[in-house]
Amino acid sequence: MARLALAFLATGAALRAPATQPRSTHLQADRAFAPNEAKGGAVIDASKTALLLIEYQNEFTSEGGKLHDAVKDTMASTNMLERSAKLAADARKKGVTIIHAPISFKEDASDNPNKGLGILAGCATDKLFTEGSWNADFHESMAPAAGDLVVENKKGLDAFPGTNLEALLKENKIETLALSGFLTNCCVESSMRSAYEKGFNTVTLTDCCATTSAEGQAGATGGTFGMFSDPMTADDFVGKL
């Protein structure tokens, strides 16, 4: 009986044990690259690089935008709007793929993915970025140019979930993704983290981002950015193309 019990236990253990260990080439559904193909630390090649311009919309960028007063001081601290327009123009000339990531909501917030909590609750309550409104329009200096791409259906903070961003990156064989825009410690940071986890060579442009406080700006550009990306100035980035 003892020998029978031992044999049964050994058989059960064998059934539970995986036949083989997962291979490093396995691509999980939420990653763009298998572990042995991840692009972090790669040399920046303009033909395989995209610049993601996040929410350069009047709600943030312009007098009369509901959030402009909250971000105008950090915008001014680096001249980020003018610097971003120059960055986009310089990157286009170098052959970088330019991708715009605007956000917008229905007026009744019925498409807001988490309107009862946090910053998305504020978007719903204050009717921010209402689709079809001037507030949701691109700032005139950051409007898409011929050949630029636009992310569709961005409703949350991270530019990846529920949008065509990853498909655009794959279609254009992008390996390096550089990010700029609003808010430094919200949508830019959320998108940066996802890009990093997906295996892209992720770059953050520290003087082309803005948020609601100097402390928040410093905490991201001098802290979390370095954990999930290669932070650099716009001039340094263009110099590497």
Protein backbone atom coordinates (compact mmCIF):
# COMPACT_ATOMS: atom_id res chain seq x y z
CA MET A 1 0.00 0.00 0.00
CA ALA A 2 2.82 2.41 0.87
CA ARG A 3 4.52 1.70 -2.45
CA LEU A 4 1.23 2.26 -4.30
CA ALA A 5 0.74 5.63 -2.55
CA LEU A 6 4.27 6.74 -3.44
CA ALA A 7 3.77 5.76 -7.05
CA PHE A 8 0.49 7.73 -7.17
CA LEU A 9 2.15 10.83 -5.69
CA ALA A 10 5.04 10.60 -8.15
CA THR A 11 2.62 10.28 -11.05
CA GLY A 12 0.65 13.33 -9.85
CA ALA A 13 3.81 15.41 -9.53
CA ALA A 14 4.84 14.46 -13.04
CA LEU A 15 1.45 15.49 -14.38
CA ARG A 16 1.65 18.85 -12.65
CA ALA A 17 5.20 19.68 -13.72
CA PRO A 18 5.57 21.56 -17.03
CA ALA A 19 7.14 19.47 -19.76
CA THR A 20 9.43 22.31 -20.79
CA GLN A 21 10.31 25.76 -19.51
CA PRO A 22 8.93 28.72 -21.54
CA ARG A 23 11.41 29.80 -24.21
CA SER A 24 12.74 33.36 -24.21
CA THR A 25 11.46 33.78 -27.77
CA HIS A 26 7.82 33.45 -26.65
CA LEU A 27 5.88 36.65 -27.40
CA GLN A 28 3.21 37.44 -24.81
CA ALA A 29 0.06 39.16 -26.00
CA ASP A 30 0.83 42.46 -24.26
CA ARG A 31 4.38 42.80 -25.59
CA ALA A 32 5.55 44.04 -28.96
CA PHE A 33 8.86 42.16 -28.88
CA ALA A 34 9.95 38.81 -27.51
CA PRO A 35 12.53 39.09 -24.68
CA ASN A 36 15.46 38.24 -26.92
CA GLU A 37 14.35 40.90 -29.41
CA ALA A 38 13.52 43.81 -27.07
CA LYS A 39 14.97 47.10 -28.33
CA GLY A 40 15.91 48.88 -25.11
CA GLY A 41 19.36 50.48 -25.41
CA ALA A 42 19.44 50.24 -29.20
CA VAL A 43 21.22 52.85 -31.29
CA ILE A 44 18.63 55.39 -32.42
CA ASP A 45 17.98 54.98 -36.15
CA ALA A 46 15.71 57.70 -37.57
CA SER A 47 14.09 55.27 -40.01
CA LYS A 48 13.01 53.06 -37.08
CA THR A 49 12.07 55.87 -34.70
CA ALA A 50 8.72 57.48 -33.92
CA LEU A 51 8.06 60.71 -32.05
CA LEU A 52 4.82 60.51 -30.05
CA LEU A 53 3.32 63.96 -29.43
CA ILE A 54 0.80 63.60 -26.63
CA GLU A 55 -2.18 65.95 -26.27
CA TYR A 56 -0.87 69.18 -27.78
CA GLN A 57 -4.45 70.44 -27.68
CA ASN A 58 -5.92 73.84 -26.85
CA GLU A 59 -7.27 72.58 -23.54
CA PHE A 60 -3.66 72.57 -22.36
CA THR A 61 -1.72 74.75 -24.73
CA SER A 62 -3.79 77.88 -25.22
CA GLU A 63 -5.29 80.79 -23.33
CA GLY A 64 -8.95 79.88 -22.86
CA GLY A 65 -8.21 76.19 -22.44
CA LYS A 66 -9.63 74.93 -19.17
CA LEU A 67 -6.29 73.44 -18.10
CA HIS A 68 -3.96 76.08 -19.50
CA ASP A 69 -3.55 78.03 -16.28
CA ALA A 70 -2.57 74.84 -14.47
CA VAL A 71 0.29 74.04 -16.89
CA LYS A 72 1.44 77.40 -18.23
CA ASP A 73 4.22 77.86 -15.66
CA THR A 74 5.93 74.55 -16.41
CA MET A 75 5.39 75.15 -20.12
CA ALA A 76 7.18 78.48 -19.80
CA SER A 77 10.01 77.04 -17.72
CA THR A 78 11.42 75.22 -20.76
CA ASN A 79 9.59 77.05 -23.57
CA MET A 80 8.17 73.62 -24.27
CA LEU A 81 5.55 74.50 -26.88
CA GLU A 82 7.94 76.32 -29.21
CA ARG A 83 10.62 73.73 -28.49
CA SER A 84 8.19 70.92 -29.34
CA ALA A 85 7.22 72.51 -32.66
CA LYS A 86 10.88 72.80 -33.59
CA LEU A 87 11.49 69.23 -32.45
CA ALA A 88 8.69 67.91 -34.65
CA ALA A 89 9.95 69.85 -37.68
CA ASP A 90 13.55 68.72 -37.16
CA ALA A 91 12.51 65.09 -36.62
CA ARG A 92 10.42 65.09 -39.81
CA LYS A 93 13.39 66.30 -41.80
CA LYS A 94 15.47 63.44 -40.38
CA GLY A 95 12.91 60.84 -41.46
CA VAL A 96 11.35 60.14 -38.05
CA THR A 97 7.73 58.96 -38.04
CA ILE A 98 5.60 61.62 -36.34
CA ILE A 99 2.57 60.38 -34.39
CA HIS A 100 0.03 62.63 -32.68
CA ALA A 101 -1.97 61.31 -29.72
CA PRO A 102 -4.96 63.55 -28.96
CA ILE A 103 -7.62 62.71 -26.38
CA SER A 104 -11.32 63.52 -26.60
CA PHE A 105 -14.60 62.57 -24.98
CA LYS A 106 -18.28 62.79 -25.77
CA GLU A 107 -19.93 65.69 -23.96
CA ASP A 108 -21.85 63.31 -21.71
CA ALA A 109 -18.62 61.39 -20.90
CA SER A 110 -20.26 58.13 -21.92
CA ASP A 111 -16.98 57.02 -23.51
CA ASN A 112 -14.81 57.98 -20.52
CA PRO A 113 -13.32 54.66 -19.29
CA ASN A 114 -13.19 55.48 -15.55
CA LYS A 115 -15.20 58.64 -14.99
CA GLY A 116 -15.87 58.03 -11.30
CA LEU A 117 -12.28 58.28 -10.07
CA GLY A 118 -9.18 60.44 -10.22
CA ILE A 119 -8.15 62.58 -13.16
CA LEU A 120 -10.68 60.96 -15.51
CA ALA A 121 -13.43 61.97 -13.07
CA GLY A 122 -12.19 65.55 -13.46
CA CYS A 123 -12.35 65.21 -17.24
CA ALA A 124 -15.99 64.14 -16.98
CA THR A 125 -17.09 66.69 -14.37
CA ASP A 126 -15.42 69.65 -16.10
CA LYS A 127 -16.26 68.48 -19.64
CA LEU A 128 -12.64 68.55 -20.75
CA PHE A 129 -11.48 67.75 -24.30
CA THR A 130 -15.04 67.55 -25.61
CA GLU A 131 -14.95 66.10 -29.11
CA GLY A 132 -15.62 68.60 -31.87
CA SER A 133 -14.78 71.57 -29.64
CA TRP A 134 -12.01 74.16 -29.98
CA ASN A 135 -10.63 72.85 -26.67
CA ALA A 136 -9.97 69.43 -28.21
CA ASP A 137 -8.37 70.85 -31.36
CA PHE A 138 -4.62 70.70 -31.88
CA HIS A 139 -2.67 73.84 -31.11
CA GLU A 140 -2.03 75.52 -34.45
CA SER A 141 1.74 75.04 -34.15
CA MET A 142 1.35 71.32 -33.46
CA ALA A 143 -1.26 70.35 -36.03
CA PRO A 144 -0.46 67.18 -38.00
CA ALA A 145 1.52 67.79 -41.18
CA ALA A 146 1.30 65.80 -44.39
CA GLY A 147 2.59 62.29 -43.73
CA ASP A 148 2.06 62.43 -39.95
CA LEU A 149 0.01 59.74 -38.23
CA VAL A 150 -2.74 60.22 -35.64
CA VAL A 151 -3.65 57.86 -32.81
CA GLU A 152 -7.36 57.04 -32.84
CA ASN A 153 -9.73 56.51 -29.91
CA LYS A 154 -7.47 57.66 -27.07
CA LYS A 155 -9.84 57.91 -24.11
CA GLY A 156 -7.56 57.09 -21.20
CA LEU A 157 -4.19 58.25 -19.93
CA ASP A 158 -1.96 55.61 -21.52
CA ALA A 159 -1.83 56.03 -25.31
CA PHE A 160 -1.81 52.26 -25.94
CA PRO A 161 -5.03 50.67 -24.56
CA GLY A 162 -7.97 50.75 -26.94
CA THR A 163 -6.09 52.66 -29.65
CA ASN A 164 -4.27 51.92 -32.88
CA LEU A 165 -0.90 53.12 -31.54
CA GLU A 166 0.79 49.74 -31.32
CA ALA A 167 -0.48 48.82 -34.79
CA LEU A 168 0.99 52.05 -36.20
CA LEU A 169 4.33 51.31 -34.57
CA LYS A 170 4.43 47.76 -35.91
CA GLU A 171 3.30 48.78 -39.41
CA ASN A 172 6.14 51.30 -39.56
CA LYS A 173 8.72 48.90 -38.06
CA ILE A 174 9.42 51.24 -35.15
CA GLU A 175 12.01 50.23 -32.56
CA THR A 176 12.60 53.54 -30.72
CA LEU A 177 9.67 55.55 -29.36
CA ALA A 178 10.33 59.10 -28.12
CA LEU A 179 7.61 60.79 -26.09
CA SER A 180 6.69 64.38 -25.30
CA GLY A 181 3.63 66.41 -24.34
CA PHE A 182 1.10 66.58 -21.51
CA LEU A 183 1.00 65.78 -18.68
CA THR A 184 4.56 64.87 -17.84
CA ASN A 185 3.61 62.70 -14.84
CA CYS A 186 0.32 61.42 -16.25
CA CYS A 187 -0.26 60.62 -19.93
CA VAL A 188 3.40 60.89 -20.93
CA GLU A 189 4.50 58.75 -18.00
CA SER A 190 1.72 56.19 -18.48
CA SER A 191 2.56 55.79 -22.16
CA MET A 192 6.29 55.63 -21.40
CA ARG A 193 5.78 52.78 -18.95
CA SER A 194 3.76 50.77 -21.45
CA ALA A 195 6.24 51.37 -24.26
CA TYR A 196 9.04 50.20 -21.98
CA GLU A 197 7.14 47.06 -20.91
CA LYS A 198 6.35 46.25 -24.54
CA GLY A 199 10.06 46.22 -25.38
CA PHE A 200 10.54 49.48 -27.28
CA ASN A 201 13.69 51.53 -26.93
CA THR A 202 11.90 54.27 -25.01
CA VAL A 203 13.06 57.90 -24.91
CA THR A 204 11.51 60.77 -22.96
CA LEU A 205 12.12 64.38 -23.96
CA THR A 206 12.47 66.26 -20.71
CA ASP A 207 12.21 69.82 -22.04
CA CYS A 208 9.19 69.07 -24.24
CA CYS A 209 6.82 68.03 -21.47
CA ALA A 210 4.70 70.00 -19.01
CA THR A 211 2.52 69.33 -15.99
CA THR A 212 0.71 71.15 -13.21
CA SER A 213 3.60 71.84 -10.82
CA ALA A 214 7.36 72.22 -10.72
CA GLU A 215 7.48 69.41 -8.16
CA GLY A 216 5.55 67.04 -10.40
CA GLN A 217 7.73 67.95 -13.36
CA ALA A 218 10.94 67.34 -11.43
CA GLY A 219 9.66 64.10 -9.92
CA ALA A 220 9.02 62.66 -13.37
CA THR A 221 11.88 64.06 -15.44
CA GLY A 222 14.43 63.54 -12.68
CA GLY A 223 12.96 60.36 -11.21
CA THR A 224 10.54 57.96 -12.88
CA PHE A 225 11.62 58.81 -16.44
CA GLY A 226 15.03 57.30 -15.73
CA MET A 227 13.47 54.05 -14.52
CA PHE A 228 11.53 53.36 -17.72
CA SER A 229 13.27 55.31 -20.49
CA ASP A 230 16.36 57.16 -21.63
CA PRO A 231 15.57 60.79 -20.68
CA MET A 232 17.18 63.51 -22.78
CA THR A 233 16.61 66.98 -24.16
CA ALA A 234 15.13 67.60 -27.57
CA ASP A 235 18.46 68.84 -28.90
CA ASP A 236 20.24 65.72 -27.65
CA PHE A 237 17.60 63.54 -29.29
CA VAL A 238 17.84 65.28 -32.65
CA GLY A 239 21.62 65.05 -32.41
CA LYS A 240 21.36 61.25 -32.22
CA LEU A 241 19.27 60.93 -35.39
